[in-house]
Each structure stands twice: as structure tokens, then as C-alpha cells.
């Protein structure tokens, strides 16, 4: 992720004032550095999770450490489809309203096996109802 730069403008803040002169705007430039786990989309946080095909089919529990140091345990009991996203409400970035936060969005990548032996293929066909 590339560095993001945000500007916050505070018009006519009181600083270096002189009588009869309108004070200039106070501008803060904030550089966001990339995080090793999360990407930011507005107030939402996005995390990419790779799961094996067996976990995608049978369920998986995801463990994450939040930016404020809490440990989240997220059970995913349904079948996970390639490219699926789940949303955990209010686990994203804080907002100006102290009672609201953005969401945490978990995007899944399914890791398929590179090969199967004949016995595994036959077992999968039997279990999944293939011919």
C-alpha cells in the first residue's frame, strides 16, 4: 500500500495574530504509513486472510490483534467462497463520534491444493456427491 497523505485545514485559527489582520489558516499534513496487517478504506480496516480449501469448506477461526492491542477471535462457520468478505461492525478506525467506529472487513483467499492423488480425488467425489 502506498503512503497516504491527508490535509486538515483549520480556517482562521488563532495564532500569530496582529491587530486588523485576518489570521491565516492552520494546515496539518498527516502522512499515513502502511500497516503490516491492515489496509485502510475511510474508517474501515481491511485484512486479507488466506485459508486452506479444507478450512474454507469446514469452518475456520480467525485470530486478529486489533490496532489498540485487543485480541479478536472470529469463528467462520459457513462455507467460505473465493473472494468472500465478512464484515465485523465497529471494529475499524475511530470516528469523530466516540460511540461509532468503522468496520473491520475480512477478505478471504482460498488456497487450493496443487495436486491430489487418485484416492483423494475419489474421496472428494464421494463426499461432495460428484460422479
Protein backbone atom coordinates (compact mmCIF):
# COMPACT_ATOMS: atom_id res chain seq x y z
CA UNK A 1 0.00 0.00 0.00
CA UNK A 2 1.30 3.40 -0.85
CA UNK A 3 1.66 6.09 1.76
CA UNK A 4 -1.38 8.30 2.02
CA UNK A 5 -1.24 11.98 2.78
CA UNK A 6 -4.14 13.85 4.34
CA UNK A 7 -4.51 17.57 4.90
CA UNK A 8 -6.63 19.00 7.67
CA UNK A 9 -7.41 22.68 7.35
CA UNK A 10 -8.37 24.79 10.37
CA UNK A 11 -9.52 28.12 8.95
CA UNK A 12 -8.55 31.32 10.77
CA UNK A 13 -7.18 29.60 13.87
CA UNK A 14 -5.79 31.99 16.43
CA UNK A 15 -2.04 32.08 16.01
CA UNK A 16 0.48 34.82 15.30
CA UNK A 17 -2.31 37.37 15.41
CA UNK A 18 -1.84 41.04 14.66
CA UNK A 19 -4.48 43.72 15.14
CA UNK A 20 -6.53 44.28 11.97
CA UNK A 21 -5.07 41.24 10.16
CA UNK A 22 -7.09 38.09 9.48
CA UNK A 23 -5.05 35.14 10.71
CA UNK A 24 -4.07 32.61 8.04
CA UNK A 25 -5.39 29.04 8.01
CA UNK A 26 -3.58 26.45 10.09
CA UNK A 27 -2.90 23.36 7.96
CA UNK A 28 -1.78 19.98 9.30
CA UNK A 29 -0.39 17.42 6.86
CA UNK A 30 -0.74 13.84 8.11
CA UNK A 31 1.19 11.05 6.43
CA UNK A 32 -0.22 7.55 6.91
CA UNK A 33 2.30 4.76 6.84
CA UNK A 34 1.32 1.29 5.60
CA UNK A 35 0.49 -1.29 8.26
CA UNK A 36 1.77 -4.87 8.06
CA UNK A 37 -1.70 -6.40 8.56
CA UNK A 38 -4.41 -3.83 7.86
CA UNK A 39 -5.27 -1.55 4.97
CA UNK A 40 -7.49 1.45 5.48
CA UNK A 41 -10.55 2.40 3.43
CA UNK A 42 -12.01 5.52 5.00
CA UNK A 43 -12.88 4.47 8.54
CA UNK A 44 -12.93 0.77 7.63
CA UNK A 45 -9.99 -1.57 8.12
CA UNK A 46 -9.39 -4.37 5.64
CA UNK A 47 -7.45 -7.54 6.33
CA UNK A 48 -6.65 -10.26 3.82
CA UNK A 49 -6.82 -13.83 5.14
CA UNK A 50 -5.60 -16.92 3.32
CA UNK A 51 -7.38 -20.13 4.26
CA UNK A 52 -6.93 -23.67 3.05
CA UNK A 53 -9.62 -25.32 0.96
CA UNK A 54 -10.43 -27.70 3.82
CA UNK A 55 -10.86 -24.76 6.25
CA UNK A 56 -12.96 -22.91 3.69
CA UNK A 57 -15.28 -25.92 3.45
CA UNK A 58 -15.38 -27.00 7.10
CA UNK A 59 -15.00 -23.76 9.06
CA UNK A 60 -12.14 -21.77 10.46
CA UNK A 61 -11.46 -19.49 13.39
CA UNK A 62 -9.54 -16.30 12.66
CA UNK A 63 -7.46 -14.61 15.35
CA UNK A 64 -6.51 -10.96 14.93
CA UNK A 65 -4.84 -8.38 17.11
CA UNK A 66 -6.56 -5.02 16.72
CA UNK A 67 -4.68 -1.74 16.36
CA UNK A 68 -5.46 -0.98 20.01
CA UNK A 69 -4.00 -4.33 21.15
CA UNK A 70 -7.16 -6.34 21.73
CA UNK A 71 -7.37 -9.95 20.53
CA UNK A 72 -10.33 -10.80 18.32
CA UNK A 73 -11.43 -14.38 17.73
CA UNK A 74 -13.76 -14.65 14.76
CA UNK A 75 -15.40 -18.03 14.14
CA UNK A 76 -16.37 -18.54 10.50
CA UNK A 77 -18.77 -21.48 10.48
CA UNK A 78 -20.25 -21.19 6.99
CA UNK A 79 -18.51 -22.28 3.81
CA UNK A 80 -16.14 -19.54 2.62
CA UNK A 81 -16.27 -18.81 -1.09
CA UNK A 82 -13.35 -17.38 -3.08
CA UNK A 83 -13.30 -13.59 -2.81
CA UNK A 84 -15.84 -13.58 0.03
CA UNK A 85 -15.79 -10.74 2.55
CA UNK A 86 -17.18 -10.74 6.06
CA UNK A 87 -17.78 -7.53 7.98
CA UNK A 88 -17.30 -7.11 11.72
CA UNK A 89 -19.16 -3.97 12.70
CA UNK A 90 -17.49 -1.27 14.82
CA UNK A 91 -14.00 -2.82 14.79
CA UNK A 92 -12.47 -0.31 12.37
CA UNK A 93 -10.98 3.15 12.87
CA UNK A 94 -12.44 5.56 15.43
CA UNK A 95 -14.59 8.38 14.12
CA UNK A 96 -15.32 11.86 15.45
CA UNK A 97 -18.33 10.35 17.22
CA UNK A 98 -16.82 8.44 20.18
CA UNK A 99 -19.69 5.92 20.05
CA UNK A 100 -19.02 4.93 16.42
CA UNK A 101 -16.17 3.21 14.64
CA UNK A 102 -15.64 1.98 11.13
CA UNK A 103 -15.93 -1.70 10.28
CA UNK A 104 -13.37 -4.46 10.00
CA UNK A 105 -13.64 -6.20 6.63
CA UNK A 106 -12.05 -9.63 6.28
CA UNK A 107 -11.38 -10.69 2.68
CA UNK A 108 -10.66 -14.34 2.01
CA UNK A 109 -8.31 -16.00 -0.41
CA UNK A 110 -8.80 -19.77 -0.72
CA UNK A 111 -5.59 -21.78 -1.08
CA UNK A 112 -6.26 -24.75 -3.32
CA UNK A 113 -4.00 -27.81 -3.23
CA UNK A 114 -1.56 -28.02 -6.11
CA UNK A 115 -2.36 -31.70 -6.73
CA UNK A 116 -4.38 -34.61 -5.43
CA UNK A 117 -3.69 -38.31 -5.65
CA UNK A 118 -6.38 -40.55 -7.18
CA UNK A 119 -7.60 -41.76 -3.79
CA UNK A 120 -8.12 -38.17 -2.61
CA UNK A 121 -9.99 -37.30 -5.81
CA UNK A 122 -12.26 -40.33 -5.41
CA UNK A 123 -12.89 -39.48 -1.75
CA UNK A 124 -13.79 -35.90 -2.65
CA UNK A 125 -16.17 -37.07 -5.38
CA UNK A 126 -17.82 -39.47 -2.95
CA UNK A 127 -18.17 -36.88 -0.15
CA UNK A 128 -19.22 -33.98 -2.38
CA UNK A 129 -21.62 -36.07 -4.48
CA UNK A 130 -19.70 -35.96 -7.73
CA UNK A 131 -19.78 -38.74 -10.30
